[in-house]
C-alpha atoms as a PDB file:
ATOM      1  CA  MET A   1      39.870  87.489  78.600  1.00  0.00           C
ATOM      2  CA  PRO A   2      42.287  90.387  77.994  1.00  0.00           C
ATOM      3  CA  GLU A   3      45.724  89.241  76.816  1.00  0.00           C
ATOM      4  CA  ARG A   4      47.836  90.926  79.495  1.00  0.00           C
ATOM      5  CA  ILE A   5      46.024  89.509  82.541  1.00  0.00           C
ATOM      6  CA  ASN A   6      47.569  86.776  84.639  1.00  0.00           C
ATOM      7  CA  LYS A   7      45.467  83.695  83.781  1.00  0.00           C
ATOM      8  CA  GLU A   8      45.677  82.176  87.262  1.00  0.00           C
ATOM      9  CA  LEU A   9      44.587  85.437  88.893  1.00  0.00           C
ATOM     10  CA  TYR A  10      41.828  85.892  86.315  1.00  0.00           C
ATOM     11  CA  ASP A  11      40.527  82.339  86.832  1.00  0.00           C
ATOM     12  CA  THR A  12      40.612  82.694  90.625  1.00  0.00           C
ATOM     13  CA  PHE A  13      38.703  85.967  90.575  1.00  0.00           C
ATOM     14  CA  LYS A  14      36.243  84.648  87.983  1.00  0.00           C
ATOM     15  CA  GLY A  15      35.595  81.638  90.235  1.00  0.00           C
ATOM     16  CA  LEU A  16      35.003  83.888  93.240  1.00  0.00           C
ATOM     17  CA  VAL A  17      32.532  86.076  91.351  1.00  0.00           C
ATOM     18  CA  PHE A  18      30.733  83.013  90.008  1.00  0.00           C
ATOM     19  CA  GLU A  19      30.541  81.568  93.539  1.00  0.00           C
ATOM     20  CA  ALA A  20      29.200  84.887  94.849  1.00  0.00           C
ATOM     21  CA  ILE A  21      26.483  84.949  92.180  1.00  0.00           C
ATOM     22  CA  GLN A  22      25.557  81.343  92.965  1.00  0.00           C
ATOM     23  CA  THR A  23      25.214  82.030  96.696  1.00  0.00           C
ATOM     24  CA  TYR A  24      23.202  85.172  95.987  1.00  0.00           C
ATOM     25  CA  ALA A  25      20.913  83.310  93.575  1.00  0.00           C
ATOM     26  CA  SER A  26      20.422  80.484  96.094  1.00  0.00           C
ATOM     27  CA  ALA A  27      19.422  82.939  98.803  1.00  0.00           C
ATOM     28  CA  ASN A  28      17.147  84.961  96.491  1.00  0.00           C
ATOM     29  CA  LYS A  29      15.162  82.404  94.474  1.00  0.00           C
ATOM     30  CA  GLN A  30      13.101  84.942  92.531  1.00  0.00           C
ATOM     31  CA  ILE A  31      15.727  87.372  91.355  1.00  0.00           C
ATOM     32  CA  ASN A  32      14.690  90.101  88.950  1.00  0.00           C
ATOM     33  CA  LEU A  33      17.990  91.508  87.765  1.00  0.00           C
ATOM     34  CA  VAL A  34      16.209  94.149  85.726  1.00  0.00           C
ATOM     35  CA  SER A  35      15.460  95.798  89.065  1.00  0.00           C
ATOM     36  CA  ALA A  36      18.000  98.420  90.123  1.00  0.00           C
ATOM     37  CA  VAL A  37      17.640  97.313  93.751  1.00  0.00           C
ATOM     38  CA  ALA A  38      18.459  93.690  92.857  1.00  0.00           C
ATOM     39  CA  GLN A  39      21.459  94.834  90.812  1.00  0.00           C
ATOM     40  CA  GLU A  40      22.706  96.924  93.736  1.00  0.00           C
ATOM     41  CA  GLN A  41      22.227  94.019  96.158  1.00  0.00           C
ATOM     42  CA  LEU A  42      24.058  91.627  93.834  1.00  0.00           C
ATOM     43  CA  THR A  43      26.915  94.101  93.427  1.00  0.00           C
ATOM     44  CA  THR A  44      27.202  94.509  97.199  1.00  0.00           C
ATOM     45  CA  HIS A  45      27.104  90.728  97.658  1.00  0.00           C
ATOM     46  CA  ILE A  46      29.869  90.188  95.072  1.00  0.00           C
ATOM     47  CA  LEU A  47      32.062  92.876  96.637  1.00  0.00           C
ATOM     48  CA  THR A  48      31.558  91.424 100.110  1.00  0.00           C
ATOM     49  CA  HIS A  49      32.272  87.919  98.849  1.00  0.00           C
ATOM     50  CA  THR A  50      35.494  88.938  97.074  1.00  0.00           C
ATOM     51  CA  HIS A  51      36.750  91.434  99.676  1.00  0.00           C
ATOM     52  CA  THR A  52      39.208  89.026 101.361  1.00  0.00           C
ATOM     53  CA  PHE A  53      40.756  88.013  98.041  1.00  0.00           C
ATOM     54  CA  ILE A  54      41.140  91.652  96.982  1.00  0.00           C
ATOM     55  CA  ALA A  55      42.659  92.584 100.363  1.00  0.00           C
ATOM     56  CA  GLU A  56      45.186  89.729 100.053  1.00  0.00           C
ATOM     57  CA  CYS A  57      46.133  90.920  96.561  1.00  0.00           C
ATOM     58  CA  GLU A  58      46.570  94.483  97.842  1.00  0.00           C
ATOM     59  CA  ASP A  59      48.793  93.225 100.688  1.00  0.00           C
ATOM     60  CA  GLU A  60      50.901  91.268  98.215  1.00  0.00           C
ATOM     61  CA  ILE A  61      51.245  94.308  95.963  1.00  0.00           C
ATOM     62  CA  ASP A  62      52.255  96.486  98.933  1.00  0.00           C
ATOM     63  CA  SER A  63      54.866  93.897  99.938  1.00  0.00           C
ATOM     64  CA  LEU A  64      56.256  93.801  96.412  1.00  0.00           C
ATOM     65  CA  TRP A  65      56.487  97.606  96.261  1.00  0.00           C
ATOM     66  CA  PHE A  66      58.289  97.597  99.629  1.00  0.00           C
ATOM     67  CA  MET A  67      60.766  94.973  98.397  1.00  0.00           C
ATOM     68  CA  LEU A  68      61.316  96.921  95.181  1.00  0.00           C
ATOM     69  CA  ASP A  69      62.013 100.114  97.162  1.00  0.00           C
ATOM     70  CA  GLU A  70      64.457  98.204  99.395  1.00  0.00           C
ATOM     71  CA  MET A  71      66.247  96.774  96.355  1.00  0.00           C
ATOM     72  CA  LYS A  72      66.455 100.226  94.769  1.00  0.00           C
ATOM     73  CA  GLY A  73      67.864 101.658  97.994  1.00  0.00           C
ATOM     74  CA  ALA A  74      70.447  98.879  98.218  1.00  0.00           C
ATOM     75  CA  GLU A  75      71.409  99.394  94.589  1.00  0.00           C
ATOM     76  CA  ASP A  76      71.848 103.136  95.164  1.00  0.00           C
ATOM     77  CA  THR A  77      73.996 102.418  98.237  1.00  0.00           C
ATOM     78  CA  VAL A  78      76.242 100.004  96.342  1.00  0.00           C
ATOM     79  CA  LYS A  79      76.703 102.541  93.549  1.00  0.00           C
ATOM     80  CA  SER A  80      77.611 105.386  95.924  1.00  0.00           C
ATOM     81  CA  LEU A  81      81.184 106.691  96.092  1.00  0.00           C
ATOM     82  CA  ASP A  82      81.180 106.490  99.901  1.00  0.00           C
ATOM     83  CA  PHE A  83      80.349 102.777  99.785  1.00  0.00           C
ATOM     84  CA  LYS A  84      83.099 102.110  97.249  1.00  0.00           C
ATOM     85  CA  GLU A  85      85.627 103.983  99.377  1.00  0.00           C
ATOM     86  CA  ARG A  86      84.660 102.003 102.491  1.00  0.00           C
ATOM     87  CA  ILE A  87      84.935  98.700 100.613  1.00  0.00           C
ATOM     88  CA  ASP A  88      88.318  99.694  99.174  1.00  0.00           C
ATOM     89  CA  LYS A  89      89.542 100.594 102.666  1.00  0.00           C
ATOM     90  CA  MET A  90      88.357  97.250 104.095  1.00  0.00           C
ATOM     91  CA  VAL A  91      89.963  95.312 101.249  1.00  0.00           C
ATOM     92  CA  ASN A  92      93.244  97.174 101.684  1.00  0.00           C
ATOM     93  CA  GLU A  93      93.200  96.508 105.443  1.00  0.00           C
ATOM     94  CA  HIS A  94      92.647  92.797 104.821  1.00  0.00           C
ATOM     95  CA  VAL A  95      95.426  92.688 102.222  1.00  0.00           C
ATOM     96  CA  VAL A  96      97.789  94.299 104.737  1.00  0.00           C
ATOM     97  CA  LEU A  97      96.687  91.808 107.410  1.00  0.00           C
ATOM     98  CA  LEU A  98      97.218  88.868 105.047  1.00  0.00           C
ATOM     99  CA  LYS A  99     100.687  90.139 104.099  1.00  0.00           C
ATOM    100  CA  MET A 100     101.559  90.478 107.786  1.00  0.00           C
ATOM    101  CA  MET A 101     100.336  86.946 108.446  1.00  0.00           C
ATOM    102  CA  GLN A 102     102.308  85.640 105.474  1.00  0.00           C
ATOM    103  CA  ASN A 103     105.456  87.442 106.641  1.00  0.00           C
ATOM    104  CA  SER A 104     105.083  86.156 110.196  1.00  0.00           C
ATOM    105  CA  LYS A 105     104.552  82.632 108.877  1.00  0.00           C
ATOM    106  CA  GLY A 106     107.800  82.905 106.938  1.00  0.00           C
ATOM    107  CA  ASP A 107     109.623  84.026 110.104  1.00  0.00           C
ATOM    108  CA  ALA A 108     108.438  80.992 112.095  1.00  0.00           C
END
């Protein structure tokens, strides 16, 4: 097993391929894997058997890329000068409001 591969993912995929080979071998009792036709059929069977797992992995990867893009966009927004100016304005408005409330409390 290559060092940089996620062991859980590797084991899951290995199990799926093994299961696909077992089901193919059960359905084709006299397999001659030297035959190019048998090799092609086995390959097609394995791909069909593992298609759902691969599609789920692709969906997960797409979701992660989307989340990463969203995080990058949010980070860029927070770093922008316009955002900082708006936050400063809001903070200053709240400070003024708090001072007014404090002054009116002292008058009461």
